[in-house]
Structures are given as structure tokens and as C-alpha cells.
Amino acid sequence: MSAPAVTRPLADQALGPIRQVLASMAADPRQPALNGISPDLTAPEPSDDWVPATALTSGPAVDDVLDAAQAYWRAKRHVAAALMFKAYSYWLALPAVIGFAAARRVPLVRPDRVRVNWAPRSRFLVLGLADVDVAVLASDPLARGDQSALAARGITVVPDEDALLTELRLSLMDEHLSLVVEQLRERVRLGSHTLWGSLAAGVAIGLSRGAGGSALDIAQRTLAALDLTDLVDIAPADGGLDVQRHTCCLAFKLPQPKICVGCCIR
């Protein structure tokens, strides 16, 4: 399916450094494939296969995605829900945290700006962005001009890095993933620490893979801004970070049990 025409060229331009880092990650044979993000981060137009993430945050598509997760992992429903959230939160957070690390530009992954496709043949979830807003620092070259005019073009200007991390948290957690957590917990018995632990680990792992030598500092700052520091331990390691979870994603309960690297039950 061809990508839609870009209706916010300035915001799309802001994503350039993020696309470059993701492309480098995808080209590195030592790293897992980036198969949960659509090419160039761009989501196709809504269709039967690609739905707005609002269908997950408000509930209509949650049972469908859980049915697909159960079939994909051949697991009990609460295990499938935990693994679905682990995958979803990782791919959703990745462009946002890489944007902060690489360019101090954060795509605001609000539900109405994200589209989702689940249960494709080779992977479970794929996410893409649609006319996304991008938060940038006041010192960014893209921040020049009238702020109201920039906002209409998809650029949110903030004064400093702390404010940038606040925007990251608002769009990623408060306006998006917290609503998904509520929907899942209405349907299955899962502790919130289990789910947020997956986000904490996903943020740290994504930065370990894409933030280079600054990974430890950026991961510490990002996890603190997200109030997730207590759910994961991170330390320098060859080529990135050593990430140790305080919670389990429940992969050990699969029909063929899996113990992830950094799992708390190792």
C-alpha cells in the first residue's frame, strides 16, 4: 500500500534525524529487525487493516487485538495481553525516545496520530505515524517563526529539555498507554507493574540500541521523566546497556516457555 501524501511537510521534515537513526539500527546485523514500525514511520491511510490507535485507547478494537494475540502466541488471554502490551509499548515509544536522544525532537504519539496493524504474517504488530505533531526546543532551527503558525504546521515549541521530556510523557503515557492499560485490565487480570515494567525495559532497550555513547544518561533521564526508574536496573555494557527488569512480561508462561534476557526470574 502506498503511503499517503504528507500534509504537514515541516513536521515530516522534523522526523528526518529519527528516520536516519532507525535506518542505521535496521541496517545493523547485530540488532533485531525493526519490523514493528512502518517504513519511514509513515502510516498508510485508515483501512480494514490499519486502524487509528484510538480504537485501542477507547476500547472498540481491544478484544480483536487480544484475540489476535492469543492466536499469535497460542497463550492464555492474560499472557497474550501482557505480551501484546510489551510489543505495542516498545514500538510506540521507540521513535519518541530515539527522537529525544538523537535530535531533541519528540514525535507526539497521541492515539489519533498513530495507526496500528496487527497479526501480519511475519510479526504481530506494526505501528505508523499519521500527520504527527513534533515537539522541538526553542533553539531548534525549525522553531523559528510565530509559534501559533508553527503549531498549525505540526511543530510544538518548548523551552528546554525537561519540557521536552514532559511532552514525551504526556503523549506516550498519559494520553495513550495509560488508556490502553485501563482497557486491558478491564478484560484480564494483570498487575499494572507488569505492564509498566515492559515499557520501562522497552525504553531502556531502545535507547541501548539507538542512543550510542549517551545511552545510559539519556535512559536514566527518560525513565525518571516517565516515573519508571524503580521498574528496571540499567548499567553500561559492551555496545549499549545491561537492562534488568524488576517485573516479568510472562513469556515464561508460553506453551514453549521463554526466559528473556534481563528477566527478573533468571
Protein backbone atom coordinates (compact mmCIF):
# COMPACT_ATOMS: atom_id res chain seq x y z
CA MET A 1 0.00 0.00 0.00
CA SER A 2 1.43 3.40 -0.94
CA ALA A 3 1.99 5.99 1.76
CA PRO A 4 -0.37 8.97 1.93
CA ALA A 5 0.69 12.40 0.79
CA VAL A 6 2.40 14.39 3.53
CA THR A 7 0.07 17.17 4.66
CA ARG A 8 2.45 18.66 7.21
CA PRO A 9 5.81 18.93 5.44
CA LEU A 10 7.51 20.83 8.27
CA ALA A 11 6.62 18.22 10.89
CA ASP A 12 7.61 15.48 8.44
CA GLN A 13 10.96 17.24 7.98
CA ALA A 14 11.43 17.22 11.75
CA LEU A 15 11.36 13.42 11.69
CA GLY A 16 14.43 13.25 9.42
CA PRO A 17 17.08 12.62 12.12
CA ILE A 18 14.85 9.99 13.74
CA ARG A 19 14.45 8.16 10.45
CA GLN A 20 18.22 8.21 9.98
CA VAL A 21 18.89 6.59 13.37
CA LEU A 22 16.18 3.99 12.84
CA ALA A 23 17.61 3.20 9.41
CA SER A 24 21.06 2.69 10.96
CA MET A 25 19.55 0.41 13.59
CA ALA A 26 17.72 -1.56 10.90
CA ALA A 27 20.92 -1.95 8.87
CA ASP A 28 22.93 -3.30 11.81
CA PRO A 29 23.01 -7.11 11.52
CA ARG A 30 23.75 -7.37 15.25
CA GLN A 31 20.38 -5.88 16.14
CA PRO A 32 16.87 -7.32 15.88
CA ALA A 33 14.84 -6.25 12.87
CA LEU A 34 12.74 -3.10 13.20
CA ASN A 35 9.68 -4.88 11.91
CA GLY A 36 7.17 -3.21 14.22
CA ILE A 37 7.42 0.23 12.61
CA SER A 38 6.08 1.08 9.17
CA PRO A 39 8.61 2.26 6.55
CA ASP A 40 9.79 5.84 7.21
CA LEU A 41 7.41 5.86 10.21
CA THR A 42 4.57 6.75 7.86
CA ALA A 43 1.23 5.03 8.34
CA PRO A 44 -0.98 4.14 5.38
CA GLU A 45 -4.44 5.61 5.20
CA PRO A 46 -7.02 4.03 7.55
CA SER A 47 -8.37 0.75 6.24
CA ASP A 48 -9.64 -2.58 7.48
CA ASP A 49 -6.01 -3.47 8.28
CA TRP A 50 -4.74 -0.11 9.60
CA VAL A 51 -6.86 1.42 12.35
CA PRO A 52 -6.31 4.53 14.49
CA ALA A 53 -4.89 3.79 17.92
CA THR A 54 -7.96 5.46 19.38
CA ALA A 55 -9.69 2.13 18.72
CA LEU A 56 -7.41 0.67 21.39
CA THR A 57 -7.44 3.53 23.88
CA SER A 58 -11.24 3.83 23.80
CA GLY A 59 -11.90 0.10 23.58
CA PRO A 60 -13.63 -0.96 20.31
CA ALA A 61 -10.65 -2.89 18.94
CA VAL A 62 -9.19 -4.25 22.17
CA ASP A 63 -10.96 -7.61 22.08
CA ASP A 64 -9.96 -8.08 18.44
CA VAL A 65 -6.30 -7.40 19.16
CA LEU A 66 -6.39 -9.74 22.16
CA ASP A 67 -7.95 -12.47 20.02
CA ALA A 68 -5.13 -11.97 17.52
CA ALA A 69 -2.52 -12.00 20.30
CA GLN A 70 -3.87 -15.28 21.68
CA ALA A 71 -3.73 -16.86 18.24
CA TYR A 72 -0.25 -15.48 17.56
CA TRP A 73 1.34 -16.63 20.83
CA ARG A 74 -1.01 -19.58 21.48
CA ALA A 75 -1.22 -18.39 25.05
CA LYS A 76 -3.79 -17.78 27.73
CA ARG A 77 -5.53 -14.45 27.39
CA HIS A 78 -3.75 -12.63 30.23
CA VAL A 79 -0.36 -13.81 28.94
CA ALA A 80 -1.25 -12.71 25.42
CA ALA A 81 -2.36 -9.34 26.79
CA ALA A 82 0.95 -8.83 28.60
CA LEU A 83 2.97 -9.72 25.51
CA MET A 84 0.75 -7.58 23.29
CA PHE A 85 1.41 -4.57 25.55
CA LYS A 86 5.13 -5.33 25.63
CA ALA A 87 5.29 -5.22 21.84
CA TYR A 88 2.93 -2.28 21.46
CA SER A 89 4.64 -0.08 24.06
CA TYR A 90 8.10 -0.82 22.63
CA TRP A 91 7.26 0.17 19.07
CA LEU A 92 5.21 3.16 20.18
CA ALA A 93 7.95 4.52 22.46
CA LEU A 94 10.88 3.85 20.14
CA PRO A 95 10.58 6.82 17.74
CA ALA A 96 9.81 9.16 20.63
CA VAL A 97 12.80 8.22 22.79
CA ILE A 98 15.14 7.96 19.80
CA GLY A 99 13.95 11.41 18.74
CA PHE A 100 14.86 12.84 22.13
CA ALA A 101 18.24 11.09 22.15
CA ALA A 102 19.24 11.81 18.57
CA ALA A 103 17.92 15.29 17.86
CA ARG A 104 15.95 16.61 20.84
CA ARG A 105 12.85 16.25 18.67
CA VAL A 106 9.96 14.18 20.02
CA PRO A 107 7.12 12.84 17.88
CA LEU A 108 3.99 13.21 20.00
CA VAL A 109 2.50 9.75 19.73
CA ARG A 110 -1.06 10.64 20.69
CA PRO A 111 -3.64 7.97 19.81
CA ASP A 112 -5.21 10.00 17.00
CA ARG A 113 -1.79 10.30 15.33
CA VAL A 114 -0.91 6.60 15.42
CA ARG A 115 -2.27 3.78 13.26
CA VAL A 116 -1.92 0.10 14.03
CA ASN A 117 -1.92 -3.13 12.05
CA TRP A 118 -1.90 -6.41 13.97
CA ALA A 119 -1.33 -10.05 13.18
CA PRO A 120 0.50 -9.63 9.86
CA ARG A 121 2.29 -12.76 8.70
CA SER A 122 5.84 -12.14 9.89
CA ARG A 123 5.24 -10.16 13.10
CA PHE A 124 2.43 -9.34 15.46
CA LEU A 125 2.15 -5.54 15.48
CA VAL A 126 3.15 -2.73 13.14
CA LEU A 127 2.70 0.93 14.04
CA GLY A 128 2.95 4.07 11.93
CA LEU A 129 2.51 7.81 12.41
CA ALA A 130 -0.04 9.96 10.61
CA ASP A 131 0.35 13.75 10.46
CA VAL A 132 2.10 13.62 13.80
CA ASP A 133 2.99 16.70 15.84
CA VAL A 134 6.67 17.03 16.78
CA ALA A 135 7.91 18.82 19.89
CA VAL A 136 11.19 20.71 19.45
CA LEU A 137 13.35 23.02 21.54
CA ALA A 138 13.14 26.78 21.14
CA SER A 139 16.76 26.62 19.92
CA ASP A 140 15.89 24.21 17.10
CA PRO A 141 16.13 25.74 13.59
CA LEU A 142 12.57 24.51 12.96
CA ALA A 143 11.31 26.66 15.86
CA ARG A 144 11.87 29.96 14.08
CA GLY A 145 8.75 31.98 13.48
CA ASP A 146 5.39 32.55 15.06
CA GLN A 147 4.53 29.71 17.45
CA SER A 148 0.84 29.61 16.57
CA ALA A 149 1.73 29.32 12.89
CA LEU A 150 4.26 26.59 13.72
CA ALA A 151 1.67 24.72 15.78
CA ALA A 152 -0.67 24.72 12.80
CA ARG A 153 2.15 23.07 10.84
CA GLY A 154 2.67 20.38 13.47
CA ILE A 155 5.56 21.91 15.45
CA THR A 156 5.24 22.33 19.22
CA VAL A 157 7.99 24.57 20.65
CA VAL A 158 9.14 24.03 24.25
CA PRO A 159 11.75 25.99 26.24
CA ASP A 160 14.09 23.25 27.47
CA GLU A 161 14.83 19.54 27.61
CA ASP A 162 12.79 18.96 30.76
CA ALA A 163 9.76 20.40 28.98
CA LEU A 164 10.53 18.17 26.01
CA LEU A 165 10.52 15.11 28.26
CA THR A 166 7.24 16.30 29.77
CA GLU A 167 5.71 16.38 26.28
CA LEU A 168 7.07 12.88 25.67
CA ARG A 169 5.44 11.60 28.83
CA LEU A 170 2.11 13.30 28.16
CA SER A 171 1.71 11.90 24.66
CA LEU A 172 3.21 8.45 25.31
CA MET A 173 1.85 7.59 28.74
CA ASP A 174 -0.84 9.96 29.98
CA GLU A 175 -2.73 10.33 26.69
CA HIS A 176 -2.03 6.90 25.20
CA LEU A 177 -0.58 3.94 27.07
CA SER A 178 -2.34 4.60 30.36
CA LEU A 179 -5.64 4.28 28.48
CA VAL A 180 -4.51 1.00 26.90
CA VAL A 181 -3.54 -0.28 30.34
CA GLU A 182 -7.02 0.55 31.62
CA GLN A 183 -8.65 -1.29 28.72
CA LEU A 184 -6.50 -4.39 29.24
CA ARG A 185 -7.05 -4.50 32.99
CA GLU A 186 -10.81 -4.34 32.48
CA ARG A 187 -10.56 -7.57 30.50
CA VAL A 188 -7.81 -9.65 32.10
CA ARG A 189 -6.14 -9.98 35.48
CA LEU A 190 -2.82 -8.20 35.07
CA GLY A 191 -0.91 -6.04 37.51
CA SER A 192 -0.07 -2.56 36.30
CA HIS A 193 3.56 -3.10 37.36
CA THR A 194 3.81 -5.98 34.90
CA LEU A 195 2.69 -3.72 32.07
CA TRP A 196 4.66 -0.62 33.00
CA GLY A 197 7.70 -2.79 33.58
CA SER A 198 7.57 -3.73 29.92
CA LEU A 199 7.55 -0.06 28.94
CA ALA A 200 10.50 0.66 31.25
CA ALA A 201 12.51 -2.19 29.75
CA GLY A 202 11.48 -1.25 26.22
CA VAL A 203 12.59 2.36 26.67
CA ALA A 204 15.96 1.27 28.04
CA ILE A 205 16.49 -1.38 25.36
CA GLY A 206 15.52 1.00 22.56
CA LEU A 207 17.97 3.61 23.81
CA SER A 208 20.64 0.96 24.32
CA ARG A 209 20.31 0.09 20.65
CA GLY A 210 19.97 3.58 19.23
CA ALA A 211 21.45 6.24 21.51
CA GLY A 212 25.14 5.39 21.17
CA GLY A 213 27.55 6.52 23.86
CA SER A 214 24.95 8.68 25.58
CA ALA A 215 22.56 5.77 26.15
CA LEU A 216 22.99 5.50 29.93
CA ASP A 217 22.46 9.19 30.65
CA ILE A 218 19.53 9.50 28.24
CA ALA A 219 17.91 6.32 29.57
CA GLN A 220 18.22 7.48 33.17
CA ARG A 221 16.71 10.88 32.35
CA THR A 222 13.91 9.41 30.26
CA LEU A 223 12.96 6.74 32.79
CA ALA A 224 12.92 9.36 35.54
CA ALA A 225 10.64 11.61 33.49
CA LEU A 226 8.29 8.64 32.98
CA ASP A 227 8.40 7.64 36.68
CA LEU A 228 9.63 4.19 35.66
CA THR A 229 13.04 4.17 37.34
CA ASP A 230 12.00 1.67 40.01
CA LEU A 231 10.92 -0.95 37.45
CA VAL A 232 14.28 -1.59 35.79
CA ASP A 233 18.01 -1.51 36.54
CA ILE A 234 20.37 -0.25 33.85
CA ALA A 235 24.14 -0.25 33.68
CA PRO A 236 26.80 0.23 30.99
CA ALA A 237 27.61 -2.81 28.88
CA ASP A 238 29.61 -3.53 25.75
CA GLY A 239 27.82 -1.86 22.86
CA GLY A 240 24.97 -0.45 24.92
CA LEU A 241 23.25 -1.10 28.22
CA ASP A 242 22.64 -4.04 30.51
CA VAL A 243 18.90 -3.94 31.27
CA GLN A 244 17.49 -5.93 34.18
CA ARG A 245 13.74 -5.94 34.77
CA HIS A 246 12.05 -5.96 38.17
CA THR A 247 8.90 -7.49 36.66
CA CYS A 248 8.25 -10.31 34.21
CA CYS A 249 6.49 -10.00 30.85
CA LEU A 250 5.02 -13.53 31.40
CA ALA A 251 6.77 -15.05 28.39
CA PHE A 252 7.75 -17.95 30.66
CA LYS A 253 4.07 -18.96 30.63
CA LEU A 254 4.01 -19.58 26.88
CA PRO A 255 3.43 -23.15 25.65
CA GLN A 256 7.14 -23.12 24.85
CA PRO A 257 8.41 -21.08 27.81
CA LYS A 258 10.80 -18.22 27.13
CA ILE A 259 13.04 -16.51 29.66
CA CYS A 260 14.06 -13.13 28.24
CA VAL A 261 17.50 -11.61 28.68
CA GLY A 262 17.30 -9.42 31.77
CA CYS A 263 14.22 -11.17 33.16
CA CYS A 264 13.76 -10.90 36.93
CA ILE A 265 13.15 -14.67 37.25
CA ARG A 266 16.54 -15.68 35.83
